[in-house]
Amino acid sequence: MEKNRILLPGINRVYEHDGTRYLIECEDRGTAEGAFEVRVIRTGSQLWARRIEYGDLLESDASEAELERDLAARAEKTIHTVQAAIAKGKLG
């Protein structure tokens, strides 16, 4: 596998809650870092950011297709968790 290959295409989601729009961005930092970043932005200001490691996936015996699928699933789960945190008032 290439040293800094990007496995996860960028994901941008708009999440609306109580009349407020939040942009949730998910960006892969590449296989060299083995992590992706998630950010929550409201009206142009970053409210929250977190780095999510996925080195455990890179160390598995999974095929590249399985790795990409597992990474996409982890990103989607992270986005849903962030949306739930917004809905509960923990972010924003």
N, C-alpha and C. Protein backbone atom coordinates (compact mmCIF):
# COMPACT_ATOMS: atom_id res chain seq x y z
N MET A 1 0.85 -1.18 0.00
CA MET A 1 0.00 0.00 0.00
C MET A 1 0.89 1.24 0.00
N GLU A 2 0.51 2.26 -0.76
CA GLU A 2 1.28 3.48 -0.83
C GLU A 2 1.38 4.12 0.55
N LYS A 3 2.49 4.82 0.76
CA LYS A 3 2.79 5.38 2.08
C LYS A 3 1.71 6.32 2.62
N ASN A 4 1.18 7.22 1.81
CA ASN A 4 0.21 8.18 2.33
C ASN A 4 -1.06 8.18 1.49
N ARG A 5 -1.51 7.02 1.13
CA ARG A 5 -2.71 6.89 0.31
C ARG A 5 -3.94 7.31 1.09
N ILE A 6 -4.83 8.03 0.41
CA ILE A 6 -6.10 8.42 1.01
C ILE A 6 -7.11 7.32 0.72
N LEU A 7 -7.73 6.78 1.75
CA LEU A 7 -8.70 5.71 1.59
C LEU A 7 -10.14 6.18 1.69
N LEU A 8 -10.33 7.30 2.36
CA LEU A 8 -11.68 7.78 2.64
C LEU A 8 -11.92 9.08 1.88
N PRO A 9 -12.86 9.08 0.95
CA PRO A 9 -13.14 10.36 0.29
C PRO A 9 -13.72 11.33 1.32
N GLY A 10 -13.49 12.60 1.12
CA GLY A 10 -14.02 13.59 2.06
C GLY A 10 -15.53 13.49 2.16
N ILE A 11 -16.02 13.62 3.38
CA ILE A 11 -17.46 13.56 3.62
C ILE A 11 -17.87 14.89 4.26
N ASN A 12 -18.85 15.54 3.68
CA ASN A 12 -19.41 16.77 4.25
C ASN A 12 -20.91 16.57 4.41
N ARG A 13 -21.41 16.81 5.60
CA ARG A 13 -22.84 16.66 5.87
C ARG A 13 -23.36 17.92 6.53
N VAL A 14 -24.51 18.35 6.13
CA VAL A 14 -25.20 19.43 6.83
C VAL A 14 -26.23 18.77 7.74
N TYR A 15 -26.17 19.12 9.00
CA TYR A 15 -27.10 18.58 9.99
C TYR A 15 -27.85 19.75 10.61
N GLU A 16 -29.15 19.72 10.54
CA GLU A 16 -29.98 20.79 11.10
C GLU A 16 -30.60 20.32 12.41
N HIS A 17 -30.51 21.19 13.41
CA HIS A 17 -31.09 20.88 14.72
C HIS A 17 -31.58 22.18 15.35
N ASP A 18 -32.83 22.20 15.75
CA ASP A 18 -33.45 23.38 16.38
C ASP A 18 -33.20 24.66 15.59
N GLY A 19 -33.32 24.57 14.27
CA GLY A 19 -33.19 25.74 13.42
C GLY A 19 -31.76 26.18 13.15
N THR A 20 -30.80 25.43 13.61
CA THR A 20 -29.39 25.75 13.39
C THR A 20 -28.78 24.72 12.46
N ARG A 21 -27.99 25.21 11.50
CA ARG A 21 -27.32 24.31 10.56
C ARG A 21 -25.87 24.10 10.99
N TYR A 22 -25.48 22.86 11.06
CA TYR A 22 -24.11 22.48 11.40
C TYR A 22 -23.50 21.76 10.20
N LEU A 23 -22.27 22.08 9.90
CA LEU A 23 -21.54 21.36 8.87
C LEU A 23 -20.61 20.39 9.56
N ILE A 24 -20.73 19.13 9.22
CA ILE A 24 -19.86 18.10 9.76
C ILE A 24 -18.94 17.66 8.63
N GLU A 25 -17.64 17.85 8.82
CA GLU A 25 -16.65 17.49 7.81
C GLU A 25 -15.81 16.32 8.31
N CYS A 26 -15.54 15.42 7.42
CA CYS A 26 -14.70 14.27 7.73
C CYS A 26 -13.63 14.20 6.65
N GLU A 27 -12.35 14.26 7.05
CA GLU A 27 -11.25 14.30 6.10
C GLU A 27 -10.18 13.28 6.49
N ASP A 28 -9.85 12.40 5.55
CA ASP A 28 -8.81 11.40 5.77
C ASP A 28 -7.45 12.08 5.75
N ARG A 29 -6.60 11.75 6.71
CA ARG A 29 -5.24 12.29 6.77
C ARG A 29 -4.25 11.37 6.06
N GLY A 30 -4.74 10.24 5.55
CA GLY A 30 -3.90 9.33 4.78
C GLY A 30 -3.37 8.18 5.61
N THR A 31 -2.90 7.17 4.90
CA THR A 31 -2.44 5.96 5.58
C THR A 31 -1.15 6.17 6.35
N ALA A 32 -0.35 7.17 5.97
CA ALA A 32 0.88 7.44 6.73
C ALA A 32 0.54 7.87 8.16
N GLU A 33 -0.54 8.63 8.32
CA GLU A 33 -0.98 9.05 9.65
C GLU A 33 -1.95 8.06 10.26
N GLY A 34 -2.67 7.31 9.42
CA GLY A 34 -3.63 6.33 9.92
C GLY A 34 -4.74 6.97 10.73
N ALA A 35 -5.26 8.09 10.23
CA ALA A 35 -6.29 8.81 10.98
C ALA A 35 -7.13 9.66 10.04
N PHE A 36 -8.35 9.96 10.51
CA PHE A 36 -9.15 10.97 9.82
C PHE A 36 -9.58 12.00 10.85
N GLU A 37 -9.90 13.19 10.37
CA GLU A 37 -10.33 14.27 11.24
C GLU A 37 -11.81 14.56 11.01
N VAL A 38 -12.49 14.84 12.09
CA VAL A 38 -13.90 15.24 12.02
C VAL A 38 -14.01 16.62 12.66
N ARG A 39 -14.70 17.51 11.96
CA ARG A 39 -14.89 18.87 12.45
C ARG A 39 -16.37 19.23 12.39
N VAL A 40 -16.81 20.04 13.36
CA VAL A 40 -18.17 20.58 13.36
C VAL A 40 -18.03 22.09 13.24
N ILE A 41 -18.73 22.63 12.24
CA ILE A 41 -18.66 24.06 11.96
C ILE A 41 -20.07 24.63 11.99
N ARG A 42 -20.22 25.78 12.66
CA ARG A 42 -21.50 26.50 12.68
C ARG A 42 -21.22 27.95 12.35
N THR A 43 -21.91 28.46 11.39
CA THR A 43 -21.77 29.84 10.91
C THR A 43 -20.30 30.25 10.73
N GLY A 44 -19.54 29.37 10.11
CA GLY A 44 -18.16 29.67 9.77
C GLY A 44 -17.15 29.47 10.87
N SER A 45 -17.58 29.13 12.06
CA SER A 45 -16.66 28.92 13.19
C SER A 45 -16.60 27.44 13.55
N GLN A 46 -15.40 26.96 13.74
CA GLN A 46 -15.23 25.56 14.14
C GLN A 46 -15.58 25.43 15.61
N LEU A 47 -16.54 24.54 15.90
CA LEU A 47 -16.98 24.31 17.28
C LEU A 47 -16.22 23.18 17.95
N TRP A 48 -15.83 22.22 17.13
CA TRP A 48 -15.29 20.98 17.70
C TRP A 48 -14.49 20.27 16.63
N ALA A 49 -13.44 19.59 17.03
CA ALA A 49 -12.65 18.77 16.10
C ALA A 49 -12.08 17.59 16.87
N ARG A 50 -11.95 16.50 16.16
CA ARG A 50 -11.39 15.29 16.78
C ARG A 50 -10.65 14.49 15.72
N ARG A 51 -9.57 13.91 16.12
CA ARG A 51 -8.77 13.04 15.26
C ARG A 51 -9.14 11.61 15.63
N ILE A 52 -9.53 10.83 14.63
CA ILE A 52 -9.94 9.44 14.85
C ILE A 52 -8.89 8.53 14.21
N GLU A 53 -8.22 7.76 15.02
CA GLU A 53 -7.16 6.86 14.53
C GLU A 53 -7.78 5.61 13.89
N TYR A 54 -7.12 5.10 12.84
CA TYR A 54 -7.56 3.83 12.27
C TYR A 54 -6.39 2.90 11.95
N GLY A 55 -5.33 3.04 12.70
CA GLY A 55 -4.17 2.17 12.53
C GLY A 55 -4.51 0.70 12.71
N ASP A 56 -5.49 0.41 13.57
CA ASP A 56 -5.89 -0.97 13.78
C ASP A 56 -6.43 -1.59 12.49
N LEU A 57 -7.10 -0.79 11.68
CA LEU A 57 -7.61 -1.30 10.40
C LEU A 57 -6.46 -1.56 9.43
N LEU A 58 -5.46 -0.68 9.45
CA LEU A 58 -4.32 -0.85 8.55
C LEU A 58 -3.50 -2.09 8.90
N GLU A 59 -3.52 -2.48 10.17
CA GLU A 59 -2.75 -3.64 10.62
C GLU A 59 -3.47 -4.97 10.38
N SER A 60 -4.73 -4.91 9.99
CA SER A 60 -5.50 -6.14 9.77
C SER A 60 -5.09 -6.78 8.45
N ASP A 61 -5.54 -7.99 8.24
CA ASP A 61 -5.27 -8.72 7.01
C ASP A 61 -6.33 -8.46 5.95
N ALA A 62 -7.13 -7.43 6.12
CA ALA A 62 -8.23 -7.14 5.20
C ALA A 62 -7.69 -6.71 3.84
N SER A 63 -8.46 -7.02 2.81
CA SER A 63 -8.12 -6.54 1.46
C SER A 63 -8.31 -5.03 1.42
N GLU A 64 -7.81 -4.40 0.38
CA GLU A 64 -7.97 -2.95 0.27
C GLU A 64 -9.45 -2.56 0.20
N ALA A 65 -10.23 -3.35 -0.52
CA ALA A 65 -11.67 -3.06 -0.63
C ALA A 65 -12.34 -3.18 0.74
N GLU A 66 -11.97 -4.20 1.51
CA GLU A 66 -12.54 -4.37 2.86
C GLU A 66 -12.10 -3.23 3.77
N LEU A 67 -10.84 -2.84 3.65
CA LEU A 67 -10.31 -1.74 4.44
C LEU A 67 -11.07 -0.45 4.15
N GLU A 68 -11.29 -0.15 2.88
CA GLU A 68 -12.03 1.05 2.50
C GLU A 68 -13.46 0.99 3.03
N ARG A 69 -14.09 -0.18 2.95
CA ARG A 69 -15.45 -0.34 3.46
C ARG A 69 -15.50 -0.14 4.98
N ASP A 70 -14.55 -0.75 5.69
CA ASP A 70 -14.52 -0.64 7.15
C ASP A 70 -14.23 0.79 7.60
N LEU A 71 -13.36 1.47 6.87
CA LEU A 71 -13.04 2.85 7.20
C LEU A 71 -14.25 3.75 6.96
N ALA A 72 -14.95 3.55 5.85
CA ALA A 72 -16.15 4.33 5.56
C ALA A 72 -17.20 4.09 6.63
N ALA A 73 -17.34 2.85 7.09
CA ALA A 73 -18.31 2.53 8.14
C ALA A 73 -17.93 3.23 9.45
N ARG A 74 -16.64 3.28 9.76
CA ARG A 74 -16.18 3.96 10.98
C ARG A 74 -16.47 5.46 10.89
N ALA A 75 -16.24 6.03 9.73
CA ALA A 75 -16.52 7.46 9.53
C ALA A 75 -18.01 7.75 9.67
N GLU A 76 -18.84 6.91 9.06
CA GLU A 76 -20.30 7.10 9.17
C GLU A 76 -20.76 6.99 10.62
N LYS A 77 -20.23 6.03 11.35
CA LYS A 77 -20.59 5.86 12.76
C LYS A 77 -20.17 7.10 13.56
N THR A 78 -19.00 7.62 13.26
CA THR A 78 -18.52 8.82 13.93
C THR A 78 -19.44 10.01 13.65
N ILE A 79 -19.84 10.16 12.40
CA ILE A 79 -20.74 11.26 12.02
C ILE A 79 -22.07 11.13 12.75
N HIS A 80 -22.61 9.92 12.84
CA HIS A 80 -23.88 9.73 13.55
C HIS A 80 -23.73 10.03 15.05
N THR A 81 -22.58 9.69 15.61
CA THR A 81 -22.31 9.99 17.02
C THR A 81 -22.25 11.49 17.24
N VAL A 82 -21.62 12.20 16.32
CA VAL A 82 -21.53 13.66 16.41
C VAL A 82 -22.92 14.28 16.29
N GLN A 83 -23.74 13.78 15.37
CA GLN A 83 -25.10 14.29 15.23
C GLN A 83 -25.89 14.07 16.53
N ALA A 84 -25.73 12.93 17.14
CA ALA A 84 -26.42 12.65 18.41
C ALA A 84 -25.94 13.61 19.50
N ALA A 85 -24.64 13.90 19.53
CA ALA A 85 -24.11 14.83 20.52
C ALA A 85 -24.68 16.23 20.32
N ILE A 86 -24.82 16.64 19.07
CA ILE A 86 -25.43 17.94 18.78
C ILE A 86 -26.88 17.95 19.27
N ALA A 87 -27.63 16.90 18.96
CA ALA A 87 -29.04 16.81 19.33
C ALA A 87 -29.21 16.82 20.86
N LYS A 88 -28.25 16.27 21.60
CA LYS A 88 -28.31 16.24 23.06
C LYS A 88 -27.77 17.52 23.69
N GLY A 89 -27.32 18.46 22.85
CA GLY A 89 -26.81 19.72 23.37
C GLY A 89 -25.37 19.69 23.85
N LYS A 90 -24.65 18.64 23.51
CA LYS A 90 -23.26 18.51 23.95
C LYS A 90 -22.28 19.27 23.06
N LEU A 91 -22.71 19.60 21.86
CA LEU A 91 -21.90 20.40 20.93
C LEU A 91 -22.77 21.52 20.42
N GLY A 92 -22.29 22.72 20.49
CA GLY A 92 -23.02 23.82 19.89
C GLY A 92 -23.61 24.72 20.87
